[in-house]
Amino acid sequence: MNALQEILKIHQVLSDETRMRIWILLQDNEVCVCHIAKIFDLANSTISEHLRKLKKVNLLTARKRGKWVYYKACLAKDLPAFTTAILAAPIDDKKIHQDRERLKNIKG
């Protein structure tokens, strides 16, 4: 896959609101599937599919600890500066704030 195709694929994956919100939530947090499912009120299988798509384009890292897998956002390597800047830009949105508050409540 060439660089242009890779960039287009990343933007395609992030064009889904739920995936974008998950990825933003995971910018500063390492979270397991079960907590993400609670935050978004979706089935674990649905969340796992979103995570699979994000991981496929190298926007997530995963770390296994016992039976749990913890995910954290990252930027794909070797992206052009404009794409990195777009993906790293802060997003101030009511849903994003609610997602972060739900995570705080779950983690205690």
N, C-alpha and C. Protein backbone atom coordinates (compact mmCIF):
# COMPACT_ATOMS: atom_id res chain seq x y z
N MET A 1 0.86 -1.18 0.00
CA MET A 1 0.00 0.00 0.00
C MET A 1 0.91 1.24 0.00
N ASN A 2 0.64 2.18 -0.91
CA ASN A 2 1.46 3.39 -0.95
C ASN A 2 0.97 4.39 0.10
N ALA A 3 1.73 5.47 0.28
CA ALA A 3 1.45 6.44 1.34
C ALA A 3 0.06 7.07 1.19
N LEU A 4 -0.32 7.41 -0.03
CA LEU A 4 -1.63 8.03 -0.25
C LEU A 4 -2.75 7.07 0.14
N GLN A 5 -2.63 5.83 -0.25
CA GLN A 5 -3.65 4.84 0.10
C GLN A 5 -3.72 4.65 1.61
N GLU A 6 -2.58 4.66 2.28
CA GLU A 6 -2.55 4.51 3.73
C GLU A 6 -3.26 5.68 4.41
N ILE A 7 -3.00 6.88 3.95
CA ILE A 7 -3.65 8.07 4.52
C ILE A 7 -5.16 8.00 4.31
N LEU A 8 -5.57 7.64 3.11
CA LEU A 8 -7.00 7.54 2.81
C LEU A 8 -7.67 6.48 3.69
N LYS A 9 -6.99 5.36 3.90
CA LYS A 9 -7.55 4.30 4.74
C LYS A 9 -7.72 4.77 6.18
N ILE A 10 -6.73 5.48 6.71
CA ILE A 10 -6.82 6.02 8.07
C ILE A 10 -8.00 6.97 8.19
N HIS A 11 -8.13 7.88 7.23
CA HIS A 11 -9.24 8.83 7.28
C HIS A 11 -10.58 8.12 7.13
N GLN A 12 -10.61 7.07 6.33
CA GLN A 12 -11.84 6.29 6.18
C GLN A 12 -12.23 5.62 7.50
N VAL A 13 -11.26 5.04 8.18
CA VAL A 13 -11.52 4.38 9.46
C VAL A 13 -12.02 5.40 10.48
N LEU A 14 -11.41 6.58 10.51
CA LEU A 14 -11.79 7.60 11.48
C LEU A 14 -13.04 8.39 11.08
N SER A 15 -13.59 8.14 9.91
CA SER A 15 -14.79 8.87 9.50
C SER A 15 -16.03 8.38 10.23
N ASP A 16 -15.93 7.26 10.93
CA ASP A 16 -17.02 6.76 11.75
C ASP A 16 -16.96 7.46 13.12
N GLU A 17 -18.06 8.06 13.55
CA GLU A 17 -18.06 8.84 14.80
C GLU A 17 -17.66 8.01 16.01
N THR A 18 -18.17 6.80 16.11
CA THR A 18 -17.84 5.97 17.27
C THR A 18 -16.36 5.64 17.30
N ARG A 19 -15.78 5.28 16.15
CA ARG A 19 -14.34 4.98 16.12
C ARG A 19 -13.52 6.21 16.46
N MET A 20 -13.92 7.36 15.96
CA MET A 20 -13.20 8.60 16.26
C MET A 20 -13.27 8.89 17.76
N ARG A 21 -14.45 8.72 18.35
CA ARG A 21 -14.60 8.97 19.79
C ARG A 21 -13.77 7.99 20.61
N ILE A 22 -13.76 6.72 20.21
CA ILE A 22 -12.94 5.72 20.90
C ILE A 22 -11.48 6.11 20.82
N TRP A 23 -11.03 6.45 19.62
CA TRP A 23 -9.63 6.80 19.42
C TRP A 23 -9.24 8.03 20.24
N ILE A 24 -10.11 9.02 20.30
CA ILE A 24 -9.83 10.22 21.11
C ILE A 24 -9.77 9.85 22.58
N LEU A 25 -10.71 9.03 23.05
CA LEU A 25 -10.73 8.61 24.45
C LEU A 25 -9.43 7.89 24.81
N LEU A 26 -8.90 7.13 23.88
CA LEU A 26 -7.70 6.35 24.14
C LEU A 26 -6.40 7.14 23.96
N GLN A 27 -6.51 8.42 23.63
CA GLN A 27 -5.32 9.26 23.49
C GLN A 27 -4.54 9.33 24.80
N ASP A 28 -5.25 9.50 25.90
CA ASP A 28 -4.60 9.68 27.20
C ASP A 28 -4.87 8.54 28.16
N ASN A 29 -5.50 7.49 27.67
CA ASN A 29 -5.91 6.40 28.55
C ASN A 29 -5.66 5.05 27.90
N GLU A 30 -5.29 4.09 28.72
CA GLU A 30 -5.18 2.71 28.29
C GLU A 30 -6.40 2.00 28.89
N VAL A 31 -7.26 1.44 28.03
CA VAL A 31 -8.56 0.95 28.48
C VAL A 31 -8.86 -0.41 27.86
N CYS A 32 -9.52 -1.26 28.63
CA CYS A 32 -9.90 -2.58 28.12
C CYS A 32 -11.25 -2.50 27.41
N VAL A 33 -11.54 -3.52 26.63
CA VAL A 33 -12.76 -3.57 25.82
C VAL A 33 -14.01 -3.43 26.69
N CYS A 34 -14.04 -4.10 27.83
CA CYS A 34 -15.25 -4.08 28.66
C CYS A 34 -15.57 -2.67 29.15
N HIS A 35 -14.55 -1.88 29.48
CA HIS A 35 -14.80 -0.49 29.91
C HIS A 35 -15.26 0.38 28.74
N ILE A 36 -14.66 0.17 27.58
CA ILE A 36 -15.08 0.93 26.39
C ILE A 36 -16.52 0.59 26.06
N ALA A 37 -16.89 -0.68 26.16
CA ALA A 37 -18.27 -1.10 25.88
C ALA A 37 -19.25 -0.42 26.83
N LYS A 38 -18.87 -0.30 28.11
CA LYS A 38 -19.74 0.39 29.09
C LYS A 38 -19.90 1.86 28.74
N ILE A 39 -18.80 2.50 28.41
CA ILE A 39 -18.84 3.93 28.09
C ILE A 39 -19.75 4.21 26.91
N PHE A 40 -19.66 3.38 25.88
CA PHE A 40 -20.42 3.61 24.65
C PHE A 40 -21.74 2.86 24.61
N ASP A 41 -22.01 2.07 25.65
CA ASP A 41 -23.24 1.29 25.74
C ASP A 41 -23.44 0.43 24.49
N LEU A 42 -22.36 -0.27 24.13
CA LEU A 42 -22.37 -1.16 22.98
C LEU A 42 -21.86 -2.54 23.42
N ALA A 43 -22.18 -3.55 22.65
CA ALA A 43 -21.71 -4.91 22.94
C ALA A 43 -20.20 -5.00 22.79
N ASN A 44 -19.59 -5.87 23.58
CA ASN A 44 -18.14 -6.07 23.48
C ASN A 44 -17.72 -6.42 22.05
N SER A 45 -18.54 -7.23 21.37
CA SER A 45 -18.19 -7.62 20.00
C SER A 45 -18.18 -6.42 19.05
N THR A 46 -19.09 -5.49 19.25
CA THR A 46 -19.13 -4.28 18.42
C THR A 46 -17.90 -3.42 18.68
N ILE A 47 -17.57 -3.26 19.95
CA ILE A 47 -16.38 -2.48 20.31
C ILE A 47 -15.13 -3.16 19.75
N SER A 48 -15.07 -4.47 19.87
CA SER A 48 -13.91 -5.21 19.35
C SER A 48 -13.73 -5.00 17.86
N GLU A 49 -14.83 -4.94 17.13
CA GLU A 49 -14.75 -4.70 15.67
C GLU A 49 -14.21 -3.29 15.39
N HIS A 50 -14.68 -2.29 16.15
CA HIS A 50 -14.16 -0.93 15.98
C HIS A 50 -12.66 -0.90 16.30
N LEU A 51 -12.27 -1.57 17.38
CA LEU A 51 -10.86 -1.60 17.76
C LEU A 51 -10.02 -2.31 16.72
N ARG A 52 -10.54 -3.38 16.16
CA ARG A 52 -9.82 -4.12 15.12
C ARG A 52 -9.52 -3.20 13.93
N LYS A 53 -10.52 -2.41 13.52
CA LYS A 53 -10.32 -1.50 12.38
C LYS A 53 -9.29 -0.43 12.71
N LEU A 54 -9.34 0.12 13.91
CA LEU A 54 -8.36 1.13 14.32
C LEU A 54 -6.95 0.53 14.40
N LYS A 55 -6.85 -0.67 14.91
CA LYS A 55 -5.55 -1.33 15.03
C LYS A 55 -4.98 -1.68 13.66
N LYS A 56 -5.85 -2.05 12.74
CA LYS A 56 -5.41 -2.44 11.39
C LYS A 56 -4.67 -1.30 10.68
N VAL A 57 -5.05 -0.05 10.96
CA VAL A 57 -4.37 1.09 10.34
C VAL A 57 -3.35 1.72 11.30
N ASN A 58 -2.95 0.94 12.30
CA ASN A 58 -1.89 1.34 13.23
C ASN A 58 -2.21 2.58 14.06
N LEU A 59 -3.48 2.74 14.43
CA LEU A 59 -3.86 3.87 15.29
C LEU A 59 -4.02 3.44 16.74
N LEU A 60 -3.81 2.17 17.03
CA LEU A 60 -3.90 1.66 18.39
C LEU A 60 -2.74 0.72 18.68
N THR A 61 -2.36 0.69 19.93
CA THR A 61 -1.48 -0.36 20.42
C THR A 61 -2.30 -1.19 21.40
N ALA A 62 -1.93 -2.45 21.53
CA ALA A 62 -2.64 -3.35 22.44
C ALA A 62 -1.62 -4.03 23.33
N ARG A 63 -2.01 -4.18 24.59
CA ARG A 63 -1.15 -4.85 25.56
C ARG A 63 -2.01 -5.85 26.32
N LYS A 64 -1.59 -7.09 26.32
CA LYS A 64 -2.35 -8.13 27.00
C LYS A 64 -1.84 -8.27 28.43
N ARG A 65 -2.79 -8.33 29.36
CA ARG A 65 -2.46 -8.52 30.77
C ARG A 65 -3.45 -9.54 31.32
N GLY A 66 -2.97 -10.76 31.50
CA GLY A 66 -3.87 -11.84 31.90
C GLY A 66 -4.87 -12.10 30.79
N LYS A 67 -6.15 -12.11 31.14
CA LYS A 67 -7.17 -12.35 30.10
C LYS A 67 -7.66 -11.05 29.46
N TRP A 68 -7.17 -9.91 29.92
CA TRP A 68 -7.61 -8.61 29.41
C TRP A 68 -6.64 -8.06 28.40
N VAL A 69 -7.17 -7.35 27.41
CA VAL A 69 -6.35 -6.62 26.44
C VAL A 69 -6.64 -5.15 26.62
N TYR A 70 -5.60 -4.37 26.81
CA TYR A 70 -5.72 -2.93 27.02
C TYR A 70 -5.26 -2.21 25.76
N TYR A 71 -6.04 -1.21 25.35
CA TYR A 71 -5.77 -0.47 24.12
C TYR A 71 -5.41 0.97 24.44
N LYS A 72 -4.53 1.53 23.63
CA LYS A 72 -4.13 2.92 23.74
C LYS A 72 -3.92 3.47 22.34
N ALA A 73 -4.29 4.72 22.13
CA ALA A 73 -4.14 5.35 20.81
C ALA A 73 -2.69 5.68 20.53
N CYS A 74 -2.36 5.66 19.27
CA CYS A 74 -1.05 6.11 18.80
C CYS A 74 -1.25 6.61 17.37
N LEU A 75 -0.25 7.26 16.85
CA LEU A 75 -0.29 7.71 15.46
C LEU A 75 0.48 6.73 14.60
N ALA A 76 -0.04 6.44 13.44
CA ALA A 76 0.65 5.57 12.50
C ALA A 76 2.00 6.19 12.16
N LYS A 77 2.99 5.36 11.99
CA LYS A 77 4.35 5.84 11.69
C LYS A 77 4.43 6.36 10.26
N ASP A 78 5.32 7.32 10.09
CA ASP A 78 5.65 7.83 8.76
C ASP A 78 4.49 8.50 8.03
N LEU A 79 3.57 9.09 8.78
CA LEU A 79 2.49 9.84 8.14
C LEU A 79 2.99 11.23 7.78
N PRO A 80 2.49 11.81 6.70
CA PRO A 80 2.84 13.19 6.39
C PRO A 80 2.42 14.12 7.52
N ALA A 81 3.12 15.22 7.66
CA ALA A 81 2.89 16.16 8.77
C ALA A 81 1.44 16.65 8.82
N PHE A 82 0.81 16.90 7.67
CA PHE A 82 -0.57 17.43 7.71
C PHE A 82 -1.53 16.41 8.30
N THR A 83 -1.35 15.15 8.01
CA THR A 83 -2.23 14.12 8.56
C THR A 83 -2.00 13.98 10.05
N THR A 84 -0.74 13.97 10.47
CA THR A 84 -0.42 13.89 11.89
C THR A 84 -1.02 15.07 12.63
N ALA A 85 -0.93 16.27 12.06
CA ALA A 85 -1.48 17.46 12.71
C ALA A 85 -3.00 17.38 12.84
N ILE A 86 -3.66 16.91 11.81
CA ILE A 86 -5.12 16.76 11.85
C ILE A 86 -5.52 15.77 12.94
N LEU A 87 -4.84 14.63 12.99
CA LEU A 87 -5.19 13.60 13.96
C LEU A 87 -4.83 13.99 15.38
N ALA A 88 -3.84 14.86 15.56
CA ALA A 88 -3.40 15.25 16.90
C ALA A 88 -4.13 16.50 17.41
N ALA A 89 -4.93 17.14 16.58
CA ALA A 89 -5.61 18.37 16.98
C ALA A 89 -6.61 18.09 18.10
N PRO A 90 -6.66 18.96 19.12
CA PRO A 90 -7.64 18.76 20.19
C PRO A 90 -9.06 18.98 19.67
N ILE A 91 -9.98 18.16 20.15
CA ILE A 91 -11.37 18.27 19.73
C ILE A 91 -12.21 18.55 20.97
N ASP A 92 -12.89 19.68 20.95
CA ASP A 92 -13.74 20.07 22.07
C ASP A 92 -15.18 19.78 21.67
N ASP A 93 -15.74 18.73 22.24
CA ASP A 93 -17.06 18.28 21.85
C ASP A 93 -17.77 17.73 23.08
N LYS A 94 -19.06 17.96 23.18
CA LYS A 94 -19.85 17.51 24.34
C LYS A 94 -19.76 15.99 24.52
N LYS A 95 -19.87 15.24 23.45
CA LYS A 95 -19.82 13.77 23.54
C LYS A 95 -18.45 13.31 24.04
N ILE A 96 -17.40 13.98 23.59
CA ILE A 96 -16.04 13.62 24.01
C ILE A 96 -15.89 13.84 25.51
N HIS A 97 -16.41 14.96 26.01
CA HIS A 97 -16.35 15.23 27.44
C HIS A 97 -17.15 14.19 28.23
N GLN A 98 -18.31 13.81 27.71
CA GLN A 98 -19.12 12.78 28.38
C GLN A 98 -18.39 11.44 28.40
N ASP A 99 -17.74 11.08 27.30
CA ASP A 99 -16.97 9.84 27.25
C ASP A 99 -15.89 9.83 28.33
N ARG A 100 -15.19 10.95 28.47
CA ARG A 100 -14.11 11.04 29.45
C ARG A 100 -14.66 10.96 30.88
N GLU A 101 -15.81 11.58 31.11
CA GLU A 101 -16.44 11.52 32.43
C GLU A 101 -16.89 10.09 32.76
N ARG A 102 -17.46 9.40 31.79
CA ARG A 102 -17.87 8.01 32.01
C ARG A 102 -16.66 7.15 32.34
N LEU A 103 -15.55 7.38 31.67
CA LEU A 103 -14.35 6.61 31.96
C LEU A 103 -13.87 6.88 33.39
N LYS A 104 -13.88 8.12 33.81
CA LYS A 104 -13.49 8.46 35.18
C LYS A 104 -14.38 7.73 36.18
N ASN A 105 -15.68 7.70 35.91
CA ASN A 105 -16.61 7.03 36.83
C ASN A 105 -16.38 5.52 36.87
N ILE A 106 -16.04 4.93 35.75
CA ILE A 106 -15.79 3.48 35.70
C ILE A 106 -14.51 3.14 36.45
N LYS A 107 -13.48 3.95 36.22
CA LYS A 107 -12.18 3.67 36.85
C LYS A 107 -12.17 4.03 38.33
N GLY A 108 -13.15 4.85 38.73
CA GLY A 108 -13.28 5.19 40.14
C GLY A 108 -12.41 6.26 40.54
